[in-house]
Amino acid sequence: MKNWTALYINVMDCLQEKLSPFLIYHHWKHTEHVLKIAEYIARQEHIIEENIVLIKTAALFHDAGFINDNNEGHEEEGVLLAEKKLPNFGYTKKEIEIIVGMIRATEIPQKPKTKLECILADADLEYLGTDNFVHLGNKLYLELKHYNSNLSLEEWNEMQINFLQSHFYHTDYCLQNRANGKEKNMKELIQKQKSLEKF
């Protein structure tokens, strides 16, 4: 019998205690948001309850690898943590394999292969098509400056534009409700970049 509540408390406590203070984007609140939006998208996509628990579990671990202060390859660190913890909370080997697939599907560039993987991949980047795009983008920029102090705002904007141009959503929900917002955010960013280049 899976004990989701005990697992949620265990992992969230771990994230709150161990994540570095400089992780202002990959903060525990990001995990909480992705978990909630993943569940919401899953319900819009008519996913059965037992699979929703697996999606929420993968969301819980998708950035947990950051507790080892590891930016590159944090998804694999999250996989290792999930494989270690989940048997103690009643998850079967098959369920853990499905969860691992979802965690790996959040790696950039995203290449989800199953419906559940598509849902978590979209939940992780759902913000690209929302009004929170600029606010969260700024947080991510400041976090990335910790790894590369020379990263300029112009370079960051260029990175974001390239990313938005190459990214696409996978679920019907995000295609219908976030794709237009993402397009709008990209156009505004291109405009902003052009005005910065004039100076």
N, C-alpha and C. Protein backbone atom coordinates (compact mmCIF):
# COMPACT_ATOMS: atom_id res chain seq x y z
N MET A 1 0.84 -1.20 0.00
CA MET A 1 0.00 0.00 0.00
C MET A 1 0.88 1.26 0.00
N LYS A 2 0.67 2.12 -1.01
CA LYS A 2 1.48 3.34 -1.11
C LYS A 2 1.09 4.34 -0.02
N ASN A 3 2.09 4.97 0.57
CA ASN A 3 1.82 6.00 1.56
C ASN A 3 2.27 7.35 1.00
N TRP A 4 1.41 7.95 0.17
CA TRP A 4 1.73 9.20 -0.51
C TRP A 4 1.96 10.34 0.48
N THR A 5 1.10 10.45 1.48
CA THR A 5 1.19 11.56 2.43
C THR A 5 2.52 11.56 3.17
N ALA A 6 2.92 10.40 3.66
CA ALA A 6 4.20 10.29 4.39
C ALA A 6 5.37 10.60 3.45
N LEU A 7 5.28 10.13 2.20
CA LEU A 7 6.34 10.40 1.21
C LEU A 7 6.44 11.90 0.93
N TYR A 8 5.29 12.54 0.72
CA TYR A 8 5.25 13.99 0.43
C TYR A 8 5.92 14.77 1.56
N ILE A 9 5.56 14.46 2.80
CA ILE A 9 6.14 15.16 3.96
C ILE A 9 7.65 14.91 4.03
N ASN A 10 8.05 13.66 3.82
CA ASN A 10 9.46 13.29 3.89
C ASN A 10 10.30 14.05 2.86
N VAL A 11 9.84 14.04 1.60
CA VAL A 11 10.63 14.68 0.53
C VAL A 11 10.60 16.20 0.66
N MET A 12 9.43 16.76 0.96
CA MET A 12 9.33 18.23 1.11
C MET A 12 10.21 18.73 2.25
N ASP A 13 10.22 18.00 3.36
CA ASP A 13 11.10 18.37 4.49
C ASP A 13 12.56 18.36 4.05
N CYS A 14 12.90 17.34 3.28
CA CYS A 14 14.26 17.19 2.76
C CYS A 14 14.63 18.37 1.85
N LEU A 15 13.72 18.75 0.95
CA LEU A 15 13.98 19.87 0.03
C LEU A 15 14.12 21.17 0.80
N GLN A 16 13.23 21.38 1.78
CA GLN A 16 13.28 22.63 2.54
C GLN A 16 14.55 22.76 3.37
N GLU A 17 15.05 21.64 3.84
CA GLU A 17 16.26 21.65 4.68
C GLU A 17 17.55 21.71 3.86
N LYS A 18 17.57 21.00 2.73
CA LYS A 18 18.85 20.77 2.05
C LYS A 18 19.11 21.58 0.78
N LEU A 19 18.06 22.18 0.19
CA LEU A 19 18.32 22.96 -1.03
C LEU A 19 19.11 24.22 -0.69
N SER A 20 20.07 24.55 -1.54
CA SER A 20 20.90 25.73 -1.33
C SER A 20 20.08 27.02 -1.39
N PRO A 21 20.44 28.03 -0.58
CA PRO A 21 19.69 29.30 -0.60
C PRO A 21 19.77 30.02 -1.96
N PHE A 22 20.83 29.77 -2.75
CA PHE A 22 20.93 30.46 -4.04
C PHE A 22 19.95 29.91 -5.08
N LEU A 23 19.33 28.77 -4.79
CA LEU A 23 18.36 28.19 -5.73
C LEU A 23 17.03 28.92 -5.59
N ILE A 24 16.96 30.12 -6.16
CA ILE A 24 15.74 30.92 -6.00
C ILE A 24 14.68 30.55 -7.04
N TYR A 25 15.06 29.82 -8.08
CA TYR A 25 14.07 29.29 -9.03
C TYR A 25 13.76 27.83 -8.68
N HIS A 26 14.79 27.00 -8.59
CA HIS A 26 14.60 25.58 -8.25
C HIS A 26 14.46 25.42 -6.74
N HIS A 27 13.56 26.20 -6.18
CA HIS A 27 13.24 26.26 -4.77
C HIS A 27 12.19 25.18 -4.51
N TRP A 28 11.94 24.83 -3.26
CA TRP A 28 10.92 23.81 -2.98
C TRP A 28 9.54 24.25 -3.46
N LYS A 29 9.32 25.58 -3.53
CA LYS A 29 8.01 26.08 -4.00
C LYS A 29 7.80 25.75 -5.48
N HIS A 30 8.90 25.66 -6.24
CA HIS A 30 8.80 25.26 -7.66
C HIS A 30 8.29 23.82 -7.73
N THR A 31 8.85 22.95 -6.89
CA THR A 31 8.40 21.55 -6.85
C THR A 31 6.93 21.48 -6.50
N GLU A 32 6.52 22.26 -5.52
CA GLU A 32 5.11 22.28 -5.10
C GLU A 32 4.21 22.74 -6.25
N HIS A 33 4.64 23.77 -6.96
CA HIS A 33 3.85 24.28 -8.09
C HIS A 33 3.74 23.23 -9.19
N VAL A 34 4.87 22.62 -9.56
CA VAL A 34 4.86 21.61 -10.63
C VAL A 34 3.97 20.44 -10.24
N LEU A 35 4.02 20.06 -8.98
CA LEU A 35 3.18 18.96 -8.49
C LEU A 35 1.69 19.31 -8.68
N LYS A 36 1.32 20.53 -8.27
CA LYS A 36 -0.09 20.94 -8.37
C LYS A 36 -0.56 21.05 -9.82
N ILE A 37 0.28 21.66 -10.66
CA ILE A 37 -0.13 21.86 -12.06
C ILE A 37 -0.12 20.52 -12.81
N ALA A 38 0.79 19.62 -12.43
CA ALA A 38 0.83 18.28 -13.06
C ALA A 38 -0.46 17.52 -12.73
N GLU A 39 -0.90 17.62 -11.49
CA GLU A 39 -2.16 16.97 -11.10
C GLU A 39 -3.34 17.59 -11.86
N TYR A 40 -3.31 18.92 -11.98
CA TYR A 40 -4.40 19.62 -12.68
C TYR A 40 -4.46 19.20 -14.16
N ILE A 41 -3.29 19.21 -14.82
CA ILE A 41 -3.24 18.80 -16.24
C ILE A 41 -3.70 17.35 -16.39
N ALA A 42 -3.24 16.50 -15.47
CA ALA A 42 -3.61 15.08 -15.52
C ALA A 42 -5.13 14.91 -15.46
N ARG A 43 -5.78 15.71 -14.61
CA ARG A 43 -7.25 15.61 -14.50
C ARG A 43 -7.92 16.13 -15.77
N GLN A 44 -7.35 17.19 -16.37
CA GLN A 44 -7.89 17.69 -17.64
C GLN A 44 -7.74 16.66 -18.75
N GLU A 45 -6.70 15.84 -18.63
CA GLU A 45 -6.42 14.81 -19.64
C GLU A 45 -7.08 13.46 -19.29
N HIS A 46 -7.92 13.47 -18.24
CA HIS A 46 -8.70 12.28 -17.83
C HIS A 46 -7.83 11.08 -17.46
N ILE A 47 -6.77 11.34 -16.70
CA ILE A 47 -5.87 10.27 -16.25
C ILE A 47 -6.49 9.60 -15.01
N ILE A 48 -6.38 8.28 -14.92
CA ILE A 48 -6.96 7.56 -13.78
C ILE A 48 -6.20 7.88 -12.49
N GLU A 49 -6.91 7.75 -11.38
CA GLU A 49 -6.40 8.17 -10.07
C GLU A 49 -5.06 7.53 -9.71
N GLU A 50 -4.91 6.23 -9.96
CA GLU A 50 -3.65 5.57 -9.56
C GLU A 50 -2.45 6.13 -10.34
N ASN A 51 -2.69 6.56 -11.58
CA ASN A 51 -1.60 7.16 -12.36
C ASN A 51 -1.34 8.61 -11.94
N ILE A 52 -2.37 9.28 -11.44
CA ILE A 52 -2.17 10.66 -10.93
C ILE A 52 -1.21 10.63 -9.74
N VAL A 53 -1.33 9.61 -8.91
CA VAL A 53 -0.40 9.48 -7.76
C VAL A 53 1.04 9.30 -8.27
N LEU A 54 1.21 8.54 -9.35
CA LEU A 54 2.56 8.33 -9.92
C LEU A 54 3.10 9.65 -10.49
N ILE A 55 2.23 10.42 -11.15
CA ILE A 55 2.64 11.73 -11.71
C ILE A 55 3.07 12.66 -10.57
N LYS A 56 2.27 12.73 -9.51
CA LYS A 56 2.61 13.58 -8.37
C LYS A 56 3.93 13.15 -7.74
N THR A 57 4.15 11.85 -7.68
CA THR A 57 5.39 11.32 -7.10
C THR A 57 6.60 11.73 -7.95
N ALA A 58 6.46 11.61 -9.27
CA ALA A 58 7.56 12.03 -10.16
C ALA A 58 7.81 13.53 -10.03
N ALA A 59 6.75 14.30 -9.90
CA ALA A 59 6.90 15.76 -9.73
C ALA A 59 7.67 16.07 -8.45
N LEU A 60 7.40 15.31 -7.42
CA LEU A 60 8.07 15.50 -6.14
C LEU A 60 9.58 15.32 -6.25
N PHE A 61 10.00 14.40 -7.12
CA PHE A 61 11.44 14.07 -7.26
C PHE A 61 12.11 14.74 -8.45
N HIS A 62 11.35 15.42 -9.33
CA HIS A 62 11.94 15.82 -10.61
C HIS A 62 13.12 16.77 -10.47
N ASP A 63 13.15 17.59 -9.41
CA ASP A 63 14.30 18.47 -9.17
C ASP A 63 14.99 18.19 -7.84
N ALA A 64 14.67 17.04 -7.24
CA ALA A 64 15.25 16.70 -5.93
C ALA A 64 16.77 16.54 -6.00
N GLY A 65 17.29 16.26 -7.19
CA GLY A 65 18.74 16.11 -7.37
C GLY A 65 19.53 17.36 -7.02
N PHE A 66 18.84 18.51 -6.99
CA PHE A 66 19.51 19.76 -6.62
C PHE A 66 19.99 19.78 -5.18
N ILE A 67 19.48 18.86 -4.35
CA ILE A 67 19.95 18.86 -2.95
C ILE A 67 21.42 18.49 -2.87
N ASN A 68 21.95 17.85 -3.92
CA ASN A 68 23.38 17.52 -3.96
C ASN A 68 24.19 18.62 -4.65
N ASP A 69 23.56 19.82 -4.77
CA ASP A 69 24.20 20.97 -5.40
C ASP A 69 24.70 20.63 -6.80
N ASN A 70 23.87 19.88 -7.51
CA ASN A 70 24.25 19.41 -8.84
C ASN A 70 23.29 19.97 -9.88
N ASN A 71 23.75 20.95 -10.66
CA ASN A 71 22.90 21.54 -11.69
C ASN A 71 22.84 20.62 -12.90
N GLU A 72 24.02 20.30 -13.43
CA GLU A 72 24.09 19.38 -14.57
C GLU A 72 23.74 17.97 -14.10
N GLY A 73 22.79 17.35 -14.77
CA GLY A 73 22.46 15.97 -14.43
C GLY A 73 21.65 15.82 -13.15
N HIS A 74 20.96 16.89 -12.74
CA HIS A 74 20.18 16.77 -11.50
C HIS A 74 19.01 15.79 -11.66
N GLU A 75 18.56 15.58 -12.90
CA GLU A 75 17.46 14.62 -13.11
C GLU A 75 17.90 13.20 -12.70
N GLU A 76 19.13 12.84 -13.10
CA GLU A 76 19.62 11.50 -12.74
C GLU A 76 19.81 11.36 -11.23
N GLU A 77 20.21 12.46 -10.59
CA GLU A 77 20.32 12.44 -9.12
C GLU A 77 18.94 12.22 -8.51
N GLY A 78 17.93 12.87 -9.11
CA GLY A 78 16.55 12.70 -8.65
C GLY A 78 16.06 11.26 -8.84
N VAL A 79 16.47 10.66 -9.95
CA VAL A 79 16.14 9.25 -10.23
C VAL A 79 16.71 8.36 -9.13
N LEU A 80 17.98 8.58 -8.79
CA LEU A 80 18.64 7.76 -7.76
C LEU A 80 17.95 7.90 -6.41
N LEU A 81 17.57 9.13 -6.09
CA LEU A 81 16.86 9.36 -4.82
C LEU A 81 15.51 8.64 -4.81
N ALA A 82 14.79 8.74 -5.93
CA ALA A 82 13.48 8.08 -6.04
C ALA A 82 13.62 6.57 -5.90
N GLU A 83 14.60 6.01 -6.61
CA GLU A 83 14.81 4.54 -6.57
C GLU A 83 15.16 4.07 -5.16
N LYS A 84 15.84 4.93 -4.42
CA LYS A 84 16.26 4.59 -3.06
C LYS A 84 15.08 4.70 -2.07
N LYS A 85 14.30 5.77 -2.20
CA LYS A 85 13.24 6.04 -1.22
C LYS A 85 11.94 5.30 -1.46
N LEU A 86 11.52 5.20 -2.72
CA LEU A 86 10.15 4.75 -3.02
C LEU A 86 9.79 3.35 -2.52
N PRO A 87 10.70 2.37 -2.56
CA PRO A 87 10.30 1.05 -2.04
C PRO A 87 9.86 1.11 -0.57
N ASN A 88 10.42 2.04 0.19
CA ASN A 88 10.07 2.17 1.61
C ASN A 88 8.67 2.75 1.83
N PHE A 89 8.09 3.29 0.74
CA PHE A 89 6.75 3.90 0.86
C PHE A 89 5.71 3.11 0.07
N GLY A 90 6.03 1.85 -0.24
CA GLY A 90 5.04 0.96 -0.83
C GLY A 90 4.91 0.98 -2.34
N TYR A 91 5.90 1.55 -3.04
CA TYR A 91 5.86 1.59 -4.51
C TYR A 91 6.47 0.31 -5.09
N THR A 92 5.83 -0.22 -6.12
CA THR A 92 6.34 -1.45 -6.76
C THR A 92 7.46 -1.10 -7.74
N LYS A 93 8.17 -2.12 -8.16
CA LYS A 93 9.27 -1.95 -9.13
C LYS A 93 8.75 -1.33 -10.43
N LYS A 94 7.59 -1.81 -10.89
CA LYS A 94 6.99 -1.31 -12.13
C LYS A 94 6.61 0.16 -12.00
N GLU A 95 6.02 0.53 -10.86
CA GLU A 95 5.63 1.92 -10.63
C GLU A 95 6.86 2.83 -10.61
N ILE A 96 7.92 2.34 -9.99
CA ILE A 96 9.16 3.13 -9.91
C ILE A 96 9.74 3.35 -11.31
N GLU A 97 9.66 2.34 -12.16
CA GLU A 97 10.13 2.49 -13.56
C GLU A 97 9.35 3.59 -14.28
N ILE A 98 8.04 3.62 -14.08
CA ILE A 98 7.19 4.64 -14.72
C ILE A 98 7.56 6.03 -14.20
N ILE A 99 7.79 6.13 -12.90
CA ILE A 99 8.16 7.40 -12.25
C ILE A 99 9.51 7.89 -12.76
N VAL A 100 10.46 6.97 -12.87
CA VAL A 100 11.81 7.30 -13.38
C VAL A 100 11.71 7.86 -14.81
N GLY A 101 10.88 7.24 -15.63
CA GLY A 101 10.67 7.72 -17.01
C GLY A 101 10.16 9.16 -17.03
N MET A 102 9.25 9.46 -16.10
CA MET A 102 8.70 10.82 -16.03
C MET A 102 9.75 11.83 -15.58
N ILE A 103 10.55 11.46 -14.59
CA ILE A 103 11.62 12.38 -14.11
C ILE A 103 12.57 12.69 -15.27
N ARG A 104 12.96 11.65 -15.99
CA ARG A 104 13.90 11.84 -17.12
C ARG A 104 13.28 12.67 -18.24
N ALA A 105 11.96 12.64 -18.34
CA ALA A 105 11.27 13.39 -19.40
C ALA A 105 11.34 14.90 -19.18
N THR A 106 11.72 15.32 -17.96
CA THR A 106 11.83 16.77 -17.70
C THR A 106 13.20 17.31 -18.10
N GLU A 107 14.11 16.41 -18.47
CA GLU A 107 15.46 16.85 -18.88
C GLU A 107 15.36 17.62 -20.20
N ILE A 108 16.15 18.69 -20.30
CA ILE A 108 16.15 19.54 -21.50
C ILE A 108 17.22 19.04 -22.47
N PRO A 109 16.94 18.86 -23.79
CA PRO A 109 15.64 19.03 -24.43
C PRO A 109 14.68 17.89 -24.06
N GLN A 110 13.44 18.26 -23.82
CA GLN A 110 12.45 17.27 -23.40
C GLN A 110 12.11 16.29 -24.53
N LYS A 111 12.08 15.01 -24.15
CA LYS A 111 11.70 13.97 -25.13
C LYS A 111 10.78 12.95 -24.47
N PRO A 112 9.59 13.40 -24.03
CA PRO A 112 8.68 12.44 -23.38
C PRO A 112 8.17 11.40 -24.36
N LYS A 113 8.00 10.17 -23.87
CA LYS A 113 7.58 9.08 -24.76
C LYS A 113 6.16 8.59 -24.45
N THR A 114 5.69 8.81 -23.23
CA THR A 114 4.36 8.32 -22.85
C THR A 114 3.47 9.50 -22.46
N LYS A 115 2.19 9.24 -22.35
CA LYS A 115 1.22 10.26 -21.95
C LYS A 115 1.59 10.86 -20.59
N LEU A 116 1.96 10.00 -19.64
CA LEU A 116 2.31 10.49 -18.30
C LEU A 116 3.58 11.34 -18.35
N GLU A 117 4.53 10.93 -19.16
CA GLU A 117 5.77 11.71 -19.31
C GLU A 117 5.48 13.07 -19.93
N CYS A 118 4.56 13.10 -20.88
CA CYS A 118 4.16 14.37 -21.53
C CYS A 118 3.57 15.33 -20.50
N ILE A 119 2.77 14.79 -19.59
CA ILE A 119 2.11 15.62 -18.57
C ILE A 119 3.13 16.27 -17.65
N LEU A 120 4.09 15.49 -17.15
CA LEU A 120 5.08 16.07 -16.23
C LEU A 120 6.01 17.04 -16.97
N ALA A 121 6.40 16.69 -18.19
CA ALA A 121 7.25 17.59 -18.98
C ALA A 121 6.55 18.94 -19.16
N ASP A 122 5.27 18.92 -19.49
CA ASP A 122 4.52 20.17 -19.68
C ASP A 122 4.33 20.92 -18.37
N ALA A 123 4.07 20.21 -17.30
CA ALA A 123 3.88 20.86 -16.00
C ALA A 123 5.14 21.62 -15.58
N ASP A 124 6.30 21.05 -15.87
CA ASP A 124 7.57 21.67 -15.49
C ASP A 124 7.80 23.00 -16.21
N LEU A 125 7.33 23.09 -17.46
CA LEU A 125 7.56 24.31 -18.26
C LEU A 125 6.26 25.05 -18.59
N GLU A 126 5.21 24.75 -17.86
CA GLU A 126 3.91 25.38 -18.08
C GLU A 126 4.02 26.90 -17.96
N TYR A 127 4.91 27.37 -17.07
CA TYR A 127 5.04 28.81 -16.82
C TYR A 127 5.43 29.60 -18.06
N LEU A 128 6.04 28.95 -19.07
CA LEU A 128 6.46 29.65 -20.30
C LEU A 128 5.28 30.34 -20.98
N GLY A 129 4.10 29.79 -20.79
CA GLY A 129 2.90 30.35 -21.43
C GLY A 129 2.00 31.10 -20.48
N THR A 130 2.56 31.58 -19.36
CA THR A 130 1.74 32.29 -18.37
C THR A 130 2.25 33.71 -18.13
N ASP A 131 1.49 34.47 -17.34
CA ASP A 131 1.89 35.83 -16.97
C ASP A 131 3.05 35.83 -15.98
N ASN A 132 3.40 34.66 -15.47
CA ASN A 132 4.52 34.54 -14.54
C ASN A 132 5.86 34.39 -15.25
N PHE A 133 5.83 34.36 -16.56
CA PHE A 133 7.04 34.07 -17.35
C PHE A 133 8.19 35.02 -17.01
N VAL A 134 7.94 36.32 -16.98
CA VAL A 134 9.01 37.30 -16.74
C VAL A 134 9.55 37.16 -15.32
N HIS A 135 8.64 37.08 -14.35
CA HIS A 135 9.03 36.96 -12.94
C HIS A 135 9.89 35.72 -12.69
N LEU A 136 9.42 34.57 -13.20
CA LEU A 136 10.16 33.31 -12.99
C LEU A 136 11.44 33.28 -13.82
N GLY A 137 11.39 33.87 -15.02
CA GLY A 137 12.58 33.96 -15.86
C GLY A 137 13.69 34.75 -15.16
N ASN A 138 13.30 35.84 -14.48
CA ASN A 138 14.28 36.64 -13.73
C ASN A 138 14.90 35.83 -12.60
N LYS A 139 14.08 35.03 -11.95
CA LYS A 139 14.59 34.17 -10.86
C LYS A 139 15.60 33.16 -11.40
N LEU A 140 15.25 32.58 -12.55
CA LEU A 140 16.14 31.58 -13.15
C LEU A 140 17.45 32.24 -13.59
N TYR A 141 17.37 33.45 -14.12
CA TYR A 141 18.57 34.19 -14.54
C TYR A 141 19.51 34.40 -13.34
N LEU A 142 18.96 34.87 -12.23
CA LEU A 142 19.78 35.12 -11.04
C LEU A 142 20.39 33.82 -10.50
N GLU A 143 19.62 32.74 -10.60
CA GLU A 143 20.14 31.44 -10.16
C GLU A 143 21.30 30.98 -11.07
N LEU A 144 21.12 31.15 -12.38
CA LEU A 144 22.16 30.72 -13.32
C LEU A 144 23.43 31.54 -13.17
N LYS A 145 23.29 32.79 -12.73
CA LYS A 145 24.47 33.64 -12.51
C LYS A 145 25.35 33.08 -11.38
N HIS A 146 24.77 32.26 -10.53
CA HIS A 146 25.57 31.61 -9.48
C HIS A 146 26.59 30.66 -10.13
N TYR A 147 26.17 29.99 -11.21
CA TYR A 147 27.05 29.05 -11.91
C TYR A 147 27.94 29.77 -12.92
N ASN A 148 27.43 30.90 -13.45
CA ASN A 148 28.19 31.66 -14.46
C ASN A 148 28.00 33.14 -14.19
N SER A 149 28.89 33.72 -13.40
CA SER A 149 28.73 35.12 -12.96
C SER A 149 28.83 36.11 -14.12
N ASN A 150 29.39 35.68 -15.26
CA ASN A 150 29.53 36.58 -16.42
C ASN A 150 28.30 36.62 -17.32
N LEU A 151 27.29 35.84 -16.99
CA LEU A 151 26.10 35.78 -17.84
C LEU A 151 25.37 37.13 -17.84
N SER A 152 25.34 37.78 -19.01
CA SER A 152 24.68 39.09 -19.10
C SER A 152 23.20 38.92 -19.37
N LEU A 153 22.46 40.00 -19.12
CA LEU A 153 21.01 39.98 -19.36
C LEU A 153 20.71 39.76 -20.84
N GLU A 154 21.53 40.37 -21.70
CA GLU A 154 21.34 40.18 -23.16
C GLU A 154 21.53 38.72 -23.56
N GLU A 155 22.58 38.11 -23.01
CA GLU A 155 22.85 36.68 -23.30
C GLU A 155 21.70 35.82 -22.79
N TRP A 156 21.20 36.15 -21.60
CA TRP A 156 20.10 35.39 -21.01
C TRP A 156 18.83 35.52 -21.87
N ASN A 157 18.54 36.75 -22.31
CA ASN A 157 17.37 36.95 -23.17
C ASN A 157 17.49 36.14 -24.46
N GLU A 158 18.70 36.13 -25.01
CA GLU A 158 18.96 35.36 -26.24
C GLU A 158 18.73 33.86 -25.99
N MET A 159 19.23 33.39 -24.84
CA MET A 159 19.03 31.98 -24.47
C MET A 159 17.54 31.66 -24.35
N GLN A 160 16.80 32.57 -23.73
CA GLN A 160 15.36 32.36 -23.54
C GLN A 160 14.62 32.34 -24.88
N ILE A 161 14.99 33.28 -25.76
CA ILE A 161 14.34 33.34 -27.09
C ILE A 161 14.58 32.03 -27.84
N ASN A 162 15.83 31.59 -27.86
CA ASN A 162 16.17 30.33 -28.54
C ASN A 162 15.41 29.15 -27.95
N PHE A 163 15.30 29.17 -26.62
CA PHE A 163 14.61 28.08 -25.94
C PHE A 163 13.11 28.08 -26.29
N LEU A 164 12.51 29.25 -26.24
CA LEU A 164 11.08 29.37 -26.57
C LEU A 164 10.81 28.95 -28.01
N GLN A 165 11.72 29.29 -28.91
CA GLN A 165 11.54 28.93 -30.33
C GLN A 165 11.64 27.42 -30.56
N SER A 166 12.42 26.74 -29.73
CA SER A 166 12.61 25.30 -29.94
C SER A 166 11.65 24.45 -29.09
N HIS A 167 11.02 25.06 -28.11
CA HIS A 167 10.15 24.32 -27.20
C HIS A 167 8.74 24.14 -27.78
N PHE A 168 8.13 23.00 -27.49
CA PHE A 168 6.71 22.83 -27.81
C PHE A 168 6.05 22.00 -26.72
N TYR A 169 4.77 22.28 -26.50
CA TYR A 169 4.00 21.53 -25.51
C TYR A 169 3.55 20.20 -26.08
N HIS A 170 3.23 19.27 -25.17
CA HIS A 170 2.89 17.90 -25.59
C HIS A 170 1.46 17.50 -25.28
N THR A 171 0.85 18.14 -24.28
CA THR A 171 -0.52 17.76 -23.88
C THR A 171 -1.55 18.66 -24.56
N ASP A 172 -2.75 18.12 -24.75
CA ASP A 172 -3.83 18.92 -25.32
C ASP A 172 -4.10 20.15 -24.46
N TYR A 173 -4.05 19.96 -23.12
CA TYR A 173 -4.35 21.07 -22.23
C TYR A 173 -3.39 22.25 -22.48
N CYS A 174 -2.09 21.98 -22.49
CA CYS A 174 -1.12 23.07 -22.68
C CYS A 174 -1.14 23.63 -24.09
N LEU A 175 -1.38 22.76 -25.07
CA LEU A 175 -1.47 23.24 -26.46
C LEU A 175 -2.64 24.22 -26.60
N GLN A 176 -3.74 23.94 -25.91
CA GLN A 176 -4.92 24.80 -26.01
C GLN A 176 -4.86 26.02 -25.09
N ASN A 177 -4.18 25.89 -23.94
CA ASN A 177 -4.24 26.93 -22.91
C ASN A 177 -2.94 27.66 -22.62
N ARG A 178 -1.81 27.17 -23.15
CA ARG A 178 -0.53 27.81 -22.85
C ARG A 178 0.28 28.18 -24.09
N ALA A 179 0.02 27.54 -25.22
CA ALA A 179 0.84 27.79 -26.42
C ALA A 179 0.74 29.25 -26.89
N ASN A 180 -0.47 29.82 -26.89
CA ASN A 180 -0.63 31.22 -27.32
C ASN A 180 0.08 32.18 -26.37
N GLY A 181 -0.02 31.90 -25.08
CA GLY A 181 0.67 32.73 -24.09
C GLY A 181 2.18 32.68 -24.27
N LYS A 182 2.69 31.51 -24.59
CA LYS A 182 4.13 31.34 -24.81
C LYS A 182 4.56 32.16 -26.02
N GLU A 183 3.75 32.13 -27.08
CA GLU A 183 4.03 32.90 -28.30
C GLU A 183 4.08 34.40 -27.98
N LYS A 184 3.13 34.85 -27.19
CA LYS A 184 3.05 36.26 -26.78
C LYS A 184 4.30 36.64 -25.97
N ASN A 185 4.67 35.79 -25.01
CA ASN A 185 5.86 36.05 -24.18
C ASN A 185 7.12 36.11 -25.03
N MET A 186 7.20 35.24 -26.04
CA MET A 186 8.37 35.22 -26.91
C MET A 186 8.46 36.51 -27.73
N LYS A 187 7.32 36.95 -28.27
CA LYS A 187 7.32 38.20 -29.07
C LYS A 187 7.73 39.40 -28.22
N GLU A 188 7.24 39.44 -26.99
CA GLU A 188 7.59 40.55 -26.09
C GLU A 188 9.08 40.52 -25.74
N LEU A 189 9.61 39.32 -25.58
CA LEU A 189 11.03 39.17 -25.26
C LEU A 189 11.91 39.59 -26.45
N ILE A 190 11.49 39.24 -27.65
CA ILE A 190 12.23 39.64 -28.86
C ILE A 190 12.24 41.16 -28.97
N GLN A 191 11.09 41.77 -28.69
CA GLN A 191 10.95 43.23 -28.72
C GLN A 191 11.88 43.87 -27.70
N LYS A 192 11.90 43.32 -26.51
CA LYS A 192 12.75 43.82 -25.42
C LYS A 192 14.22 43.71 -25.81
N GLN A 193 14.59 42.60 -26.41
CA GLN A 193 15.97 42.37 -26.83
C GLN A 193 16.39 43.39 -27.88
N LYS A 194 15.48 43.69 -28.81
CA LYS A 194 15.79 44.67 -29.86
C LYS A 194 16.03 46.05 -29.25
N SER A 195 15.23 46.42 -28.25
CA SER A 195 15.39 47.74 -27.64
C SER A 195 16.68 47.80 -26.81
N LEU A 196 17.09 46.65 -26.21
CA LEU A 196 18.35 46.62 -25.47
C LEU A 196 19.54 46.78 -26.41
N GLU A 197 19.42 46.19 -27.61
CA GLU A 197 20.51 46.23 -28.58
C GLU A 197 20.76 47.64 -29.14
N LYS A 198 19.75 48.51 -29.03
CA LYS A 198 19.89 49.88 -29.54
C LYS A 198 20.85 50.71 -28.70
N PHE A 199 20.99 50.30 -27.42
CA PHE A 199 21.85 51.10 -26.52
C PHE A 199 23.31 50.68 -26.61
